[in-house]
Amino acid sequence: MIAPRRESGATVAPIWCLQEPATGAQQTSVASTELSRLAADMHRLVARFSL
């Protein structure tokens, strides 16, 4: 991990630190969408075998 650099007494975060939350949020959104799709597929599959 790269330590943040200091400029005139203030800590400045590296740009990748600022991008990580957005990347994580995007990954969570994609995973959530995929999980929802899989759940819907499973529901349809179970419905086919229900009496």
N, C-alpha and C. Protein backbone atom coordinates (compact mmCIF):
# COMPACT_ATOMS: atom_id res chain seq x y z
N MET A 1 0.84 -1.18 0.00
CA MET A 1 0.00 0.00 0.00
C MET A 1 0.89 1.24 0.00
N ILE A 2 0.52 2.22 -0.77
CA ILE A 2 1.27 3.47 -0.85
C ILE A 2 0.72 4.42 0.20
N ALA A 3 1.63 4.99 0.98
CA ALA A 3 1.21 5.92 2.02
C ALA A 3 0.77 7.24 1.39
N PRO A 4 -0.23 7.89 2.00
CA PRO A 4 -0.63 9.20 1.49
C PRO A 4 0.53 10.19 1.62
N ARG A 5 0.61 11.14 0.73
CA ARG A 5 1.67 12.13 0.82
C ARG A 5 1.14 13.37 1.53
N ARG A 6 2.04 14.13 2.07
CA ARG A 6 1.65 15.33 2.81
C ARG A 6 2.05 16.57 2.01
N GLU A 7 1.15 17.50 1.94
CA GLU A 7 1.44 18.79 1.31
C GLU A 7 1.01 19.88 2.27
N SER A 8 1.93 20.74 2.63
CA SER A 8 1.69 21.86 3.55
C SER A 8 0.86 21.44 4.77
N GLY A 9 1.27 20.33 5.39
CA GLY A 9 0.63 19.91 6.63
C GLY A 9 -0.64 19.10 6.44
N ALA A 10 -1.21 19.06 5.27
CA ALA A 10 -2.45 18.32 5.02
C ALA A 10 -2.12 16.99 4.36
N THR A 11 -2.87 15.97 4.70
CA THR A 11 -2.69 14.66 4.07
C THR A 11 -3.49 14.62 2.78
N VAL A 12 -2.83 14.22 1.70
CA VAL A 12 -3.48 14.13 0.39
C VAL A 12 -3.55 12.65 0.03
N ALA A 13 -4.74 12.14 -0.17
CA ALA A 13 -4.92 10.72 -0.52
C ALA A 13 -4.54 10.50 -1.97
N PRO A 14 -3.86 9.36 -2.24
CA PRO A 14 -3.58 9.03 -3.64
C PRO A 14 -4.90 8.86 -4.41
N ILE A 15 -4.86 9.11 -5.70
CA ILE A 15 -6.08 9.06 -6.51
C ILE A 15 -6.74 7.69 -6.46
N TRP A 16 -5.95 6.60 -6.36
CA TRP A 16 -6.56 5.26 -6.32
C TRP A 16 -7.40 5.07 -5.07
N CYS A 17 -7.08 5.79 -3.99
CA CYS A 17 -7.90 5.70 -2.77
C CYS A 17 -9.29 6.28 -3.02
N LEU A 18 -9.35 7.29 -3.84
CA LEU A 18 -10.63 7.93 -4.14
C LEU A 18 -11.46 7.11 -5.11
N GLN A 19 -10.78 6.29 -5.93
CA GLN A 19 -11.49 5.50 -6.93
C GLN A 19 -11.99 4.18 -6.36
N GLU A 20 -11.37 3.66 -5.31
CA GLU A 20 -11.74 2.36 -4.77
C GLU A 20 -13.21 2.28 -4.34
N PRO A 21 -13.75 3.27 -3.62
CA PRO A 21 -15.16 3.16 -3.23
C PRO A 21 -16.09 3.07 -4.44
N ALA A 22 -15.82 3.82 -5.49
CA ALA A 22 -16.65 3.77 -6.69
C ALA A 22 -16.54 2.40 -7.35
N THR A 23 -15.33 1.86 -7.40
CA THR A 23 -15.13 0.54 -7.99
C THR A 23 -15.84 -0.52 -7.17
N GLY A 24 -15.72 -0.43 -5.85
CA GLY A 24 -16.41 -1.38 -4.97
C GLY A 24 -17.91 -1.29 -5.11
N ALA A 25 -18.43 -0.08 -5.23
CA ALA A 25 -19.87 0.10 -5.39
C ALA A 25 -20.34 -0.51 -6.71
N GLN A 26 -19.54 -0.34 -7.76
CA GLN A 26 -19.89 -0.91 -9.07
C GLN A 26 -19.88 -2.43 -9.00
N GLN A 27 -18.87 -3.00 -8.35
CA GLN A 27 -18.79 -4.45 -8.22
C GLN A 27 -19.97 -4.99 -7.42
N THR A 28 -20.35 -4.28 -6.36
CA THR A 28 -21.50 -4.68 -5.55
C THR A 28 -22.78 -4.63 -6.37
N SER A 29 -22.92 -3.60 -7.17
CA SER A 29 -24.11 -3.47 -8.02
C SER A 29 -24.20 -4.60 -9.03
N VAL A 30 -23.07 -4.92 -9.67
CA VAL A 30 -23.05 -6.00 -10.66
C VAL A 30 -23.37 -7.33 -9.99
N ALA A 31 -22.78 -7.58 -8.81
CA ALA A 31 -23.04 -8.82 -8.09
C ALA A 31 -24.49 -8.91 -7.65
N SER A 32 -25.06 -7.81 -7.22
CA SER A 32 -26.46 -7.79 -6.80
C SER A 32 -27.39 -8.08 -7.97
N THR A 33 -27.09 -7.50 -9.11
CA THR A 33 -27.90 -7.74 -10.31
C THR A 33 -27.83 -9.21 -10.71
N GLU A 34 -26.62 -9.77 -10.67
CA GLU A 34 -26.44 -11.18 -11.03
C GLU A 34 -27.15 -12.09 -10.04
N LEU A 35 -27.06 -11.78 -8.76
CA LEU A 35 -27.73 -12.58 -7.74
C LEU A 35 -29.25 -12.54 -7.93
N SER A 36 -29.77 -11.38 -8.26
CA SER A 36 -31.20 -11.23 -8.52
C SER A 36 -31.62 -12.08 -9.72
N ARG A 37 -30.81 -12.05 -10.77
CA ARG A 37 -31.11 -12.84 -11.96
C ARG A 37 -31.09 -14.34 -11.64
N LEU A 38 -30.09 -14.76 -10.88
CA LEU A 38 -29.99 -16.18 -10.50
C LEU A 38 -31.18 -16.60 -9.63
N ALA A 39 -31.60 -15.72 -8.73
CA ALA A 39 -32.75 -16.02 -7.88
C ALA A 39 -34.02 -16.17 -8.71
N ALA A 40 -34.19 -15.31 -9.69
CA ALA A 40 -35.36 -15.40 -10.57
C ALA A 40 -35.33 -16.68 -11.39
N ASP A 41 -34.14 -17.04 -11.89
CA ASP A 41 -34.00 -18.30 -12.63
C ASP A 41 -34.34 -19.50 -11.75
N MET A 42 -33.85 -19.47 -10.50
CA MET A 42 -34.12 -20.57 -9.57
C MET A 42 -35.61 -20.65 -9.27
N HIS A 43 -36.25 -19.51 -9.11
CA HIS A 43 -37.69 -19.49 -8.84
C HIS A 43 -38.46 -20.13 -10.00
N ARG A 44 -38.08 -19.78 -11.23
CA ARG A 44 -38.74 -20.37 -12.40
C ARG A 44 -38.50 -21.88 -12.47
N LEU A 45 -37.28 -22.30 -12.16
CA LEU A 45 -36.95 -23.73 -12.19
C LEU A 45 -37.75 -24.50 -11.14
N VAL A 46 -37.85 -23.97 -9.95
CA VAL A 46 -38.62 -24.64 -8.89
C VAL A 46 -40.10 -24.67 -9.26
N ALA A 47 -40.60 -23.59 -9.86
CA ALA A 47 -42.01 -23.54 -10.26
C ALA A 47 -42.35 -24.64 -11.27
N ARG A 48 -41.39 -25.00 -12.10
CA ARG A 48 -41.63 -26.05 -13.09
C ARG A 48 -41.85 -27.40 -12.42
N PHE A 49 -41.28 -27.62 -11.24
CA PHE A 49 -41.37 -28.91 -10.58
C PHE A 49 -42.38 -28.91 -9.43
N SER A 50 -43.03 -27.79 -9.21
CA SER A 50 -44.05 -27.72 -8.13
C SER A 50 -45.33 -28.40 -8.59
N LEU A 51 -46.05 -28.92 -7.64
CA LEU A 51 -47.32 -29.58 -7.97
C LEU A 51 -48.43 -28.59 -8.06
